[in-house]
Structure formats: C-alpha cells, structure tokens
Amino acid sequence: MISAAVRYRDHDVLCRLARTSEFTRDFSSIMFSHEGAYKKGWIRIYQNDRGEVLGFTCVRHKIQQPKTVLYFLTVAPSERGKLIGTALMRDLELQTPHPTIHFNVSHKNPNARRFYERLGYTLVREDAISGTAWELQKSVPRKVA
C-alpha cells in the first residue's frame, strides 16, 4: 500500500531506511524532511500488509517551474528487486500535478539510471551537478479534471 507519510509516525523509520544507502543519506536534512514536506504530501511510503515501511519517495512540486523534482527514492535492501521502486514511481506519476518529473542520479549509481530508463525516463544532461550526476526526466500524461 502506498500513502502519504506522517511525520510524527514515520520520520524516524524513514531516516533509518534512508541511511541504508549512500545515495539517500541526506534525507534527514531539514531541507528535505521538514514538517512542510509531510503536510504537502511530498513524502509517500510503501508499506506491506503488516504496516512495515519498505520504501519511500520524497519530491517537491515546483510551482514557478511547473515540474516535480524527485529528491529521494529508496527501498529497503532486503526488498529490492520486488517491484516496490516501480510501484513508488508509478504512484509518483499519478500524484504529480505537473507535466514533467525531473531528477539527478549519481554517476556512482548506474543501476539506478538503468532502473529509471526502464521506466521511460530519459537522459537530459550527462554532467549535472558539476559532472557528478545524470539528469533524467519524463513527461507524464496530464490529469483530466
């Protein structure tokens, strides 16, 4: 099940999960995990039927530049390869109010780049963030009201 995270209930679990990967350790930064991000629904969690958090996404829906920026996607190491990441990305595509999802992937993480490309994300720029990351994006269908 995927739902919006609640800070008082989920924050410590998400920080522990984020620390399982060198690529998501900065999630605990106030910039990404402040109360406002939770209240706006920018942090979404994947839970199993026992209520255990197995993965999460953290995004920002930008207004002036209408796009959604994915900051973090992580899945518990023991649960990788079980389509949880795919489910979280599909959820993000359904939740975004904008036509584009945009993010950077570290050059040290080519498996992540392959994962996103399998989901239809394309390379925008090879040397984002001072040459340390790939910039990827995907246009998503607009919601019809």
Foldseek 3Di string as FASTA:
>chain_A
DKFQDQCVPCVVVVCVQLVVDPQRNCCVPCVFRPRVQSVVSQKMFDADPVRRTFKIWGWDQDDVPGEIETRDTGGRPVCPPVCPSVVRVVVCLVPRQGFKYKYKDFPVCVVVVVVVVVVPWDFDDCQPPNHGITIIMDTHDHDDD
